[in-house]
């Protein structure tokens, strides 16, 4: 990372950024150009392994691309605040972000409720959730095992 003064170096601090985000952008391989899609997500940190969880329809472009190549990049950002200046070149933006890559795999039926629970925890302060079996069956759930992640932030205030 070129700007070492903005680097977030601990997993605890990176996870604090992840907790604040409400959208993750997932980048998949699609022939000549990358395919980037914003998604709602959940996560778990198990030992030293970080996983992001997602759900989608039973078919579609994402699943086709994942089947062809399960490797993916991702990006999350939050805490945006415009900082103004006397001249245009003094303007900047406060932010916190995390970027990385990993490998995606489909979640089997036995792990679906766990994955969906992690997604709910990202957006709700409740700790217990009920899922109807027909709704669980109606979606595909997949997870990205993070192989590399970096964090970066600029805070002026």
N, C-alpha and C. Protein backbone atom coordinates (compact mmCIF):
# COMPACT_ATOMS: atom_id res chain seq x y z
N UNK A 1 0.85 -1.18 0.00
CA UNK A 1 0.00 0.00 0.00
C UNK A 1 0.89 1.23 0.00
N UNK A 2 0.64 2.12 -0.94
CA UNK A 2 1.46 3.31 -1.08
C UNK A 2 1.31 4.25 0.12
N UNK A 3 0.09 4.50 0.55
CA UNK A 3 -0.16 5.43 1.67
C UNK A 3 -0.19 4.68 2.99
N UNK A 4 0.97 4.36 3.51
CA UNK A 4 1.06 3.61 4.77
C UNK A 4 0.40 4.35 5.92
N UNK A 5 0.33 5.69 5.84
CA UNK A 5 -0.30 6.47 6.91
C UNK A 5 -1.81 6.25 6.95
N UNK A 6 -2.38 5.67 5.92
CA UNK A 6 -3.82 5.40 5.87
C UNK A 6 -4.16 3.92 6.03
N UNK A 7 -3.14 3.09 6.11
CA UNK A 7 -3.36 1.64 6.19
C UNK A 7 -3.94 1.24 7.55
N UNK A 8 -4.92 0.34 7.48
CA UNK A 8 -5.49 -0.28 8.67
C UNK A 8 -4.81 -1.64 8.80
N UNK A 9 -4.13 -1.88 9.92
CA UNK A 9 -3.26 -3.05 9.98
C UNK A 9 -3.78 -4.21 10.82
N UNK A 10 -4.75 -3.98 11.69
CA UNK A 10 -5.21 -5.09 12.53
C UNK A 10 -6.54 -5.63 12.01
N UNK A 11 -6.74 -6.93 12.19
CA UNK A 11 -8.01 -7.55 11.77
C UNK A 11 -9.15 -6.96 12.58
N UNK A 12 -8.95 -6.66 13.84
CA UNK A 12 -10.01 -6.06 14.66
C UNK A 12 -10.48 -4.75 14.05
N UNK A 13 -9.56 -3.91 13.61
CA UNK A 13 -9.94 -2.64 13.00
C UNK A 13 -10.61 -2.83 11.64
N UNK A 14 -10.14 -3.81 10.87
CA UNK A 14 -10.78 -4.11 9.59
C UNK A 14 -12.21 -4.60 9.83
N UNK A 15 -12.40 -5.47 10.81
CA UNK A 15 -13.75 -5.97 11.11
C UNK A 15 -14.66 -4.85 11.60
N UNK A 16 -14.13 -3.86 12.29
CA UNK A 16 -14.93 -2.70 12.70
C UNK A 16 -15.42 -1.92 11.49
N UNK A 17 -14.62 -1.86 10.44
CA UNK A 17 -15.05 -1.23 9.19
C UNK A 17 -16.15 -2.07 8.55
N UNK A 18 -15.93 -3.38 8.46
CA UNK A 18 -16.92 -4.28 7.85
C UNK A 18 -18.27 -4.14 8.55
N UNK A 19 -18.26 -4.06 9.88
CA UNK A 19 -19.51 -3.93 10.65
C UNK A 19 -20.29 -2.68 10.29
N UNK A 20 -19.60 -1.61 9.89
CA UNK A 20 -20.26 -0.34 9.55
C UNK A 20 -20.84 -0.32 8.14
N UNK A 21 -20.41 -1.23 7.28
CA UNK A 21 -20.81 -1.21 5.88
C UNK A 21 -22.15 -1.91 5.66
N UNK A 22 -22.90 -1.42 4.68
CA UNK A 22 -24.16 -2.08 4.37
C UNK A 22 -24.19 -2.68 2.97
N UNK A 23 -23.13 -2.48 2.20
CA UNK A 23 -23.04 -3.04 0.85
C UNK A 23 -21.60 -3.48 0.62
N UNK A 24 -21.46 -4.63 -0.01
CA UNK A 24 -20.15 -5.08 -0.48
C UNK A 24 -20.24 -5.17 -2.00
N UNK A 25 -19.18 -4.80 -2.67
CA UNK A 25 -19.13 -4.93 -4.13
C UNK A 25 -18.27 -6.14 -4.45
N UNK A 26 -18.87 -7.06 -5.20
CA UNK A 26 -18.21 -8.30 -5.55
C UNK A 26 -17.81 -8.24 -7.01
N UNK A 27 -16.55 -8.54 -7.30
CA UNK A 27 -16.03 -8.51 -8.67
C UNK A 27 -15.76 -9.95 -9.12
N UNK A 28 -16.40 -10.32 -10.22
CA UNK A 28 -16.26 -11.67 -10.76
C UNK A 28 -15.64 -11.59 -12.16
N UNK A 29 -15.06 -12.70 -12.60
CA UNK A 29 -14.48 -12.76 -13.94
C UNK A 29 -15.59 -12.99 -14.97
N UNK A 30 -15.60 -12.15 -16.01
CA UNK A 30 -16.59 -12.29 -17.08
C UNK A 30 -15.92 -12.03 -18.43
N UNK A 31 -15.28 -13.05 -18.96
CA UNK A 31 -14.62 -12.96 -20.26
C UNK A 31 -13.66 -11.78 -20.31
N UNK A 32 -13.97 -10.79 -21.13
CA UNK A 32 -13.04 -9.68 -21.36
C UNK A 32 -13.04 -8.63 -20.26
N UNK A 33 -14.16 -8.43 -19.58
CA UNK A 33 -14.27 -7.38 -18.57
C UNK A 33 -14.74 -7.95 -17.24
N UNK A 34 -14.32 -7.33 -16.13
CA UNK A 34 -14.85 -7.77 -14.84
C UNK A 34 -16.33 -7.44 -14.71
N UNK A 35 -17.02 -8.22 -13.91
CA UNK A 35 -18.43 -8.00 -13.60
C UNK A 35 -18.48 -7.64 -12.12
N UNK A 36 -18.97 -6.46 -11.80
CA UNK A 36 -19.03 -5.99 -10.43
C UNK A 36 -20.49 -5.79 -10.05
N UNK A 37 -20.84 -6.32 -8.87
CA UNK A 37 -22.22 -6.23 -8.43
C UNK A 37 -22.25 -5.85 -6.94
N UNK A 38 -23.08 -4.87 -6.57
CA UNK A 38 -23.24 -4.55 -5.15
C UNK A 38 -24.21 -5.53 -4.50
N UNK A 39 -23.87 -6.00 -3.30
CA UNK A 39 -24.69 -7.00 -2.63
C UNK A 39 -24.82 -6.70 -1.14
N UNK A 40 -25.95 -7.11 -0.58
CA UNK A 40 -26.06 -7.18 0.87
C UNK A 40 -25.26 -8.40 1.29
N UNK A 41 -24.83 -8.43 2.55
CA UNK A 41 -23.93 -9.49 2.97
C UNK A 41 -24.01 -9.72 4.48
N UNK A 42 -23.41 -10.78 4.89
CA UNK A 42 -23.13 -11.06 6.28
C UNK A 42 -21.71 -11.57 6.34
N UNK A 43 -21.18 -11.73 7.53
CA UNK A 43 -19.82 -12.24 7.63
C UNK A 43 -19.67 -13.02 8.93
N UNK A 44 -18.63 -13.82 8.98
CA UNK A 44 -18.21 -14.46 10.22
C UNK A 44 -16.69 -14.51 10.23
N UNK A 45 -16.14 -14.39 11.42
CA UNK A 45 -14.70 -14.49 11.61
C UNK A 45 -14.49 -15.67 12.55
N UNK A 46 -13.95 -16.74 12.00
CA UNK A 46 -13.82 -18.00 12.73
C UNK A 46 -12.34 -18.35 12.83
N UNK A 47 -11.79 -18.19 14.04
CA UNK A 47 -10.35 -18.41 14.21
C UNK A 47 -9.61 -17.31 13.49
N UNK A 48 -8.95 -17.67 12.40
CA UNK A 48 -8.30 -16.66 11.56
C UNK A 48 -8.92 -16.60 10.17
N UNK A 49 -10.10 -17.22 10.02
CA UNK A 49 -10.77 -17.26 8.71
C UNK A 49 -11.94 -16.30 8.67
N UNK A 50 -11.94 -15.44 7.66
CA UNK A 50 -13.03 -14.49 7.43
C UNK A 50 -13.85 -14.98 6.25
N UNK A 51 -15.18 -15.03 6.44
CA UNK A 51 -16.11 -15.44 5.38
C UNK A 51 -17.14 -14.34 5.19
N UNK A 52 -17.48 -14.07 3.93
CA UNK A 52 -18.62 -13.22 3.59
C UNK A 52 -19.70 -14.12 3.02
N UNK A 53 -20.96 -13.86 3.39
CA UNK A 53 -22.11 -14.65 2.94
C UNK A 53 -23.03 -13.79 2.10
N UNK A 54 -23.64 -14.42 1.09
CA UNK A 54 -24.53 -13.74 0.16
C UNK A 54 -25.68 -14.68 -0.20
N UNK A 55 -26.77 -14.10 -0.69
CA UNK A 55 -27.85 -14.93 -1.22
C UNK A 55 -28.32 -14.32 -2.54
N UNK A 56 -28.90 -15.18 -3.36
CA UNK A 56 -29.39 -14.73 -4.67
C UNK A 56 -30.44 -15.73 -5.15
N UNK A 57 -30.95 -15.47 -6.34
CA UNK A 57 -31.92 -16.38 -6.96
C UNK A 57 -31.25 -17.71 -7.27
N UNK A 58 -32.03 -18.65 -7.68
CA UNK A 58 -31.53 -20.00 -7.99
C UNK A 58 -30.73 -20.05 -9.30
N UNK A 59 -30.88 -19.02 -10.13
CA UNK A 59 -30.12 -18.97 -11.38
C UNK A 59 -29.85 -17.53 -11.73
N UNK A 60 -28.86 -17.33 -12.60
CA UNK A 60 -28.55 -15.98 -13.04
C UNK A 60 -27.07 -15.81 -13.34
N UNK A 61 -26.73 -14.62 -13.76
CA UNK A 61 -25.37 -14.32 -14.22
C UNK A 61 -24.32 -14.56 -13.14
N UNK A 62 -24.59 -14.11 -11.90
CA UNK A 62 -23.61 -14.32 -10.83
C UNK A 62 -23.25 -15.79 -10.68
N UNK A 63 -24.27 -16.62 -10.62
CA UNK A 63 -24.02 -18.05 -10.43
C UNK A 63 -23.31 -18.67 -11.63
N UNK A 64 -23.64 -18.21 -12.82
CA UNK A 64 -22.94 -18.71 -14.02
C UNK A 64 -21.46 -18.34 -13.97
N UNK A 65 -21.16 -17.09 -13.57
CA UNK A 65 -19.77 -16.64 -13.51
C UNK A 65 -19.01 -17.36 -12.41
N UNK A 66 -19.65 -17.56 -11.26
CA UNK A 66 -19.01 -18.27 -10.15
C UNK A 66 -18.71 -19.72 -10.55
N UNK A 67 -19.63 -20.34 -11.25
CA UNK A 67 -19.41 -21.73 -11.70
C UNK A 67 -18.22 -21.81 -12.65
N UNK A 68 -18.04 -20.80 -13.48
CA UNK A 68 -16.93 -20.77 -14.44
C UNK A 68 -15.60 -20.46 -13.76
N UNK A 69 -15.64 -19.62 -12.72
CA UNK A 69 -14.41 -19.23 -12.00
C UNK A 69 -14.80 -18.73 -10.61
N UNK A 70 -14.53 -19.48 -9.57
CA UNK A 70 -14.98 -19.11 -8.23
C UNK A 70 -14.12 -18.05 -7.54
N UNK A 71 -13.09 -17.57 -8.18
CA UNK A 71 -12.25 -16.53 -7.58
C UNK A 71 -12.92 -15.17 -7.75
N UNK A 72 -12.84 -14.33 -6.70
CA UNK A 72 -13.53 -13.04 -6.73
C UNK A 72 -12.75 -12.01 -5.93
N UNK A 73 -12.95 -10.75 -6.31
CA UNK A 73 -12.46 -9.63 -5.53
C UNK A 73 -13.65 -8.96 -4.86
N UNK A 74 -13.37 -8.15 -3.83
CA UNK A 74 -14.44 -7.45 -3.15
C UNK A 74 -13.94 -6.11 -2.62
N UNK A 75 -14.92 -5.23 -2.34
CA UNK A 75 -14.63 -3.91 -1.80
C UNK A 75 -15.82 -3.46 -0.97
N UNK A 76 -15.52 -2.85 0.20
CA UNK A 76 -16.54 -2.24 1.07
C UNK A 76 -16.03 -0.86 1.45
N UNK A 77 -16.92 0.10 1.61
CA UNK A 77 -16.50 1.41 2.09
C UNK A 77 -17.64 2.07 2.86
N UNK A 78 -17.26 2.98 3.77
CA UNK A 78 -18.24 3.64 4.62
C UNK A 78 -17.61 4.91 5.22
N UNK A 79 -18.36 5.56 6.09
CA UNK A 79 -17.89 6.73 6.85
C UNK A 79 -17.47 7.89 5.94
N UNK A 80 -18.24 8.12 4.88
CA UNK A 80 -17.91 9.18 3.93
C UNK A 80 -18.25 10.55 4.49
N UNK A 81 -17.34 11.47 4.34
CA UNK A 81 -17.57 12.86 4.75
C UNK A 81 -16.70 13.76 3.89
N UNK A 82 -17.35 14.68 3.19
CA UNK A 82 -16.62 15.62 2.35
C UNK A 82 -15.91 16.65 3.22
N UNK A 83 -14.63 16.87 2.95
CA UNK A 83 -13.83 17.90 3.61
C UNK A 83 -13.54 18.97 2.56
N UNK A 84 -14.02 20.18 2.82
CA UNK A 84 -13.85 21.27 1.85
C UNK A 84 -12.57 22.04 2.14
N UNK A 85 -12.18 22.84 1.18
CA UNK A 85 -10.98 23.66 1.32
C UNK A 85 -11.14 24.99 0.62
N UNK A 86 -10.13 25.82 0.75
CA UNK A 86 -10.14 27.15 0.11
C UNK A 86 -10.11 27.04 -1.41
N UNK A 87 -9.38 26.03 -1.90
CA UNK A 87 -9.29 25.81 -3.35
C UNK A 87 -9.66 24.35 -3.62
N UNK A 88 -9.97 24.07 -4.86
CA UNK A 88 -10.44 22.73 -5.22
C UNK A 88 -9.46 21.63 -4.81
N UNK A 89 -8.18 21.86 -4.95
CA UNK A 89 -7.19 20.83 -4.64
C UNK A 89 -7.09 20.54 -3.14
N UNK A 90 -7.72 21.34 -2.29
CA UNK A 90 -7.74 21.07 -0.86
C UNK A 90 -8.94 20.24 -0.41
N UNK A 91 -9.86 19.97 -1.33
CA UNK A 91 -11.00 19.11 -1.00
C UNK A 91 -10.50 17.66 -0.88
N UNK A 92 -11.11 16.93 0.00
CA UNK A 92 -10.82 15.50 0.12
C UNK A 92 -12.05 14.82 0.72
N UNK A 93 -11.97 13.55 0.95
CA UNK A 93 -13.09 12.79 1.48
C UNK A 93 -12.59 11.89 2.60
N UNK A 94 -13.25 11.98 3.75
CA UNK A 94 -13.00 10.99 4.79
C UNK A 94 -13.67 9.69 4.36
N UNK A 95 -13.09 8.55 4.75
CA UNK A 95 -13.64 7.25 4.39
C UNK A 95 -12.97 6.17 5.23
N UNK A 96 -13.57 5.01 5.22
CA UNK A 96 -12.96 3.77 5.70
C UNK A 96 -13.29 2.72 4.66
N UNK A 97 -12.33 1.85 4.36
CA UNK A 97 -12.58 0.85 3.32
C UNK A 97 -11.80 -0.43 3.59
N UNK A 98 -12.26 -1.49 2.96
CA UNK A 98 -11.56 -2.77 2.98
C UNK A 98 -11.68 -3.38 1.59
N UNK A 99 -10.61 -3.97 1.12
CA UNK A 99 -10.57 -4.62 -0.20
C UNK A 99 -9.82 -5.94 -0.07
N UNK A 100 -10.15 -6.85 -0.96
CA UNK A 100 -9.42 -8.11 -0.94
C UNK A 100 -9.93 -9.06 -1.99
N UNK A 101 -9.58 -10.32 -1.80
CA UNK A 101 -10.01 -11.36 -2.72
C UNK A 101 -10.11 -12.69 -2.00
N UNK A 102 -10.78 -13.61 -2.67
CA UNK A 102 -10.94 -14.94 -2.11
C UNK A 102 -11.63 -15.86 -3.09
N UNK A 103 -12.09 -16.99 -2.57
CA UNK A 103 -12.73 -18.01 -3.40
C UNK A 103 -14.15 -18.26 -2.89
N UNK A 104 -15.07 -18.37 -3.82
CA UNK A 104 -16.48 -18.56 -3.52
C UNK A 104 -16.86 -20.03 -3.62
N UNK A 105 -17.72 -20.44 -2.72
CA UNK A 105 -18.33 -21.77 -2.82
C UNK A 105 -19.79 -21.67 -2.41
N UNK A 106 -20.61 -22.55 -2.98
CA UNK A 106 -22.01 -22.60 -2.60
C UNK A 106 -22.13 -23.19 -1.20
N UNK A 107 -23.10 -22.70 -0.46
CA UNK A 107 -23.36 -23.18 0.89
C UNK A 107 -24.36 -24.32 0.80
N UNK A 108 -24.06 -25.43 1.46
CA UNK A 108 -24.99 -26.56 1.41
C UNK A 108 -26.19 -26.31 2.31
N UNK A 109 -27.18 -27.15 2.16
CA UNK A 109 -28.45 -26.98 2.87
C UNK A 109 -28.25 -26.89 4.39
N UNK A 110 -27.33 -27.66 4.92
CA UNK A 110 -27.10 -27.68 6.37
C UNK A 110 -26.53 -26.36 6.89
N UNK A 111 -25.85 -25.60 6.04
CA UNK A 111 -25.22 -24.35 6.47
C UNK A 111 -26.02 -23.10 6.08
N UNK A 112 -27.10 -23.27 5.34
CA UNK A 112 -27.85 -22.12 4.84
C UNK A 112 -28.38 -21.22 5.95
N UNK A 113 -28.99 -21.78 6.96
CA UNK A 113 -29.58 -20.96 8.03
C UNK A 113 -28.48 -20.19 8.77
N UNK A 114 -27.32 -20.83 9.00
CA UNK A 114 -26.20 -20.11 9.63
C UNK A 114 -25.80 -18.91 8.77
N UNK A 115 -25.64 -19.13 7.48
CA UNK A 115 -25.24 -18.05 6.57
C UNK A 115 -26.27 -16.93 6.54
N UNK A 116 -27.54 -17.30 6.43
CA UNK A 116 -28.61 -16.29 6.41
C UNK A 116 -28.69 -15.55 7.74
N UNK A 117 -28.42 -16.22 8.83
CA UNK A 117 -28.39 -15.57 10.14
C UNK A 117 -27.28 -14.53 10.20
N UNK A 118 -26.10 -14.87 9.65
CA UNK A 118 -24.99 -13.90 9.63
C UNK A 118 -25.38 -12.67 8.81
N UNK A 119 -26.13 -12.88 7.74
CA UNK A 119 -26.59 -11.74 6.93
C UNK A 119 -27.55 -10.87 7.73
N UNK A 120 -28.47 -11.48 8.44
CA UNK A 120 -29.43 -10.72 9.24
C UNK A 120 -28.72 -9.92 10.34
N UNK A 121 -27.70 -10.50 10.93
CA UNK A 121 -26.96 -9.82 12.00
C UNK A 121 -26.27 -8.55 11.51
N UNK A 122 -25.94 -8.51 10.23
CA UNK A 122 -25.29 -7.32 9.67
C UNK A 122 -26.24 -6.12 9.68
N UNK A 123 -27.54 -6.38 9.62
CA UNK A 123 -28.52 -5.30 9.44
C UNK A 123 -29.50 -5.15 10.61
N UNK A 124 -29.40 -6.00 11.60
CA UNK A 124 -30.36 -5.97 12.70
C UNK A 124 -29.65 -6.14 14.03
N UNK A 125 -30.21 -5.54 15.06
CA UNK A 125 -29.66 -5.71 16.41
C UNK A 125 -30.25 -6.94 17.10
N UNK A 126 -31.27 -7.56 16.48
CA UNK A 126 -31.82 -8.80 17.04
C UNK A 126 -30.73 -9.88 17.01
N UNK A 127 -30.85 -10.83 17.90
CA UNK A 127 -29.85 -11.89 17.93
C UNK A 127 -30.40 -13.25 17.50
N UNK A 128 -31.70 -13.34 17.34
CA UNK A 128 -32.30 -14.61 16.97
C UNK A 128 -33.29 -14.38 15.83
N UNK A 129 -33.27 -15.28 14.88
CA UNK A 129 -34.10 -15.11 13.69
C UNK A 129 -34.79 -16.42 13.35
N UNK A 130 -35.97 -16.30 12.78
CA UNK A 130 -36.72 -17.46 12.32
C UNK A 130 -36.76 -17.43 10.80
N UNK A 131 -36.52 -18.57 10.20
CA UNK A 131 -36.56 -18.68 8.75
C UNK A 131 -37.55 -19.77 8.38
N UNK A 132 -38.45 -19.47 7.45
CA UNK A 132 -39.37 -20.48 6.95
C UNK A 132 -38.63 -21.35 5.93
N UNK A 133 -38.81 -22.63 6.05
CA UNK A 133 -38.08 -23.56 5.19
C UNK A 133 -38.29 -23.27 3.71
N UNK A 134 -39.53 -22.89 3.32
CA UNK A 134 -39.77 -22.63 1.89
C UNK A 134 -38.96 -21.43 1.40
N UNK A 135 -38.72 -20.43 2.26
CA UNK A 135 -37.91 -19.27 1.87
C UNK A 135 -36.43 -19.65 1.78
N UNK A 136 -35.98 -20.47 2.71
CA UNK A 136 -34.59 -20.93 2.68
C UNK A 136 -34.34 -21.74 1.41
N UNK A 137 -35.29 -22.59 1.07
CA UNK A 137 -35.16 -23.41 -0.14
C UNK A 137 -35.22 -22.57 -1.42
N UNK A 138 -35.84 -21.41 -1.36
CA UNK A 138 -36.05 -20.60 -2.57
C UNK A 138 -34.81 -19.83 -3.01
N UNK A 139 -33.78 -19.78 -2.17
CA UNK A 139 -32.60 -18.99 -2.51
C UNK A 139 -31.35 -19.85 -2.58
N UNK A 140 -30.39 -19.34 -3.32
CA UNK A 140 -29.04 -19.90 -3.32
C UNK A 140 -28.22 -19.07 -2.36
N UNK A 141 -27.43 -19.72 -1.55
CA UNK A 141 -26.56 -19.02 -0.61
C UNK A 141 -25.13 -19.41 -0.95
N UNK A 142 -24.25 -18.42 -0.99
CA UNK A 142 -22.84 -18.70 -1.25
C UNK A 142 -21.98 -17.89 -0.30
N UNK A 143 -20.74 -18.37 -0.14
CA UNK A 143 -19.82 -17.68 0.75
C UNK A 143 -18.48 -17.49 0.05
N UNK A 144 -17.83 -16.41 0.44
CA UNK A 144 -16.50 -16.11 -0.05
C UNK A 144 -15.54 -16.28 1.12
N UNK A 145 -14.59 -17.19 0.98
CA UNK A 145 -13.53 -17.34 1.99
C UNK A 145 -12.44 -16.35 1.61
N UNK A 146 -12.19 -15.39 2.50
CA UNK A 146 -11.22 -14.34 2.23
C UNK A 146 -9.81 -14.92 2.32
N UNK A 147 -9.04 -14.68 1.27
CA UNK A 147 -7.64 -15.11 1.24
C UNK A 147 -6.71 -13.94 1.52
N UNK A 148 -7.16 -12.73 1.20
CA UNK A 148 -6.35 -11.54 1.44
C UNK A 148 -7.29 -10.35 1.64
N UNK A 149 -7.00 -9.51 2.64
CA UNK A 149 -7.80 -8.30 2.90
C UNK A 149 -6.89 -7.21 3.40
N UNK A 150 -7.15 -5.99 2.93
CA UNK A 150 -6.45 -4.82 3.42
C UNK A 150 -7.48 -3.77 3.80
N UNK A 151 -7.11 -2.90 4.71
CA UNK A 151 -7.97 -1.81 5.12
C UNK A 151 -7.28 -0.48 4.94
N UNK A 152 -8.08 0.55 4.74
CA UNK A 152 -7.53 1.89 4.53
C UNK A 152 -8.55 2.90 5.03
N UNK A 153 -8.06 4.01 5.60
CA UNK A 153 -8.98 5.04 6.10
C UNK A 153 -8.30 6.40 6.06
N UNK A 154 -9.14 7.42 5.91
CA UNK A 154 -8.71 8.81 6.07
C UNK A 154 -9.73 9.46 6.97
N UNK A 155 -9.26 9.95 8.10
CA UNK A 155 -10.13 10.66 9.06
C UNK A 155 -9.43 11.94 9.42
N UNK A 156 -10.06 13.05 9.10
CA UNK A 156 -9.48 14.36 9.40
C UNK A 156 -10.07 14.97 10.66
N UNK A 157 -11.30 14.57 11.01
CA UNK A 157 -11.95 15.22 12.16
C UNK A 157 -11.78 14.43 13.42
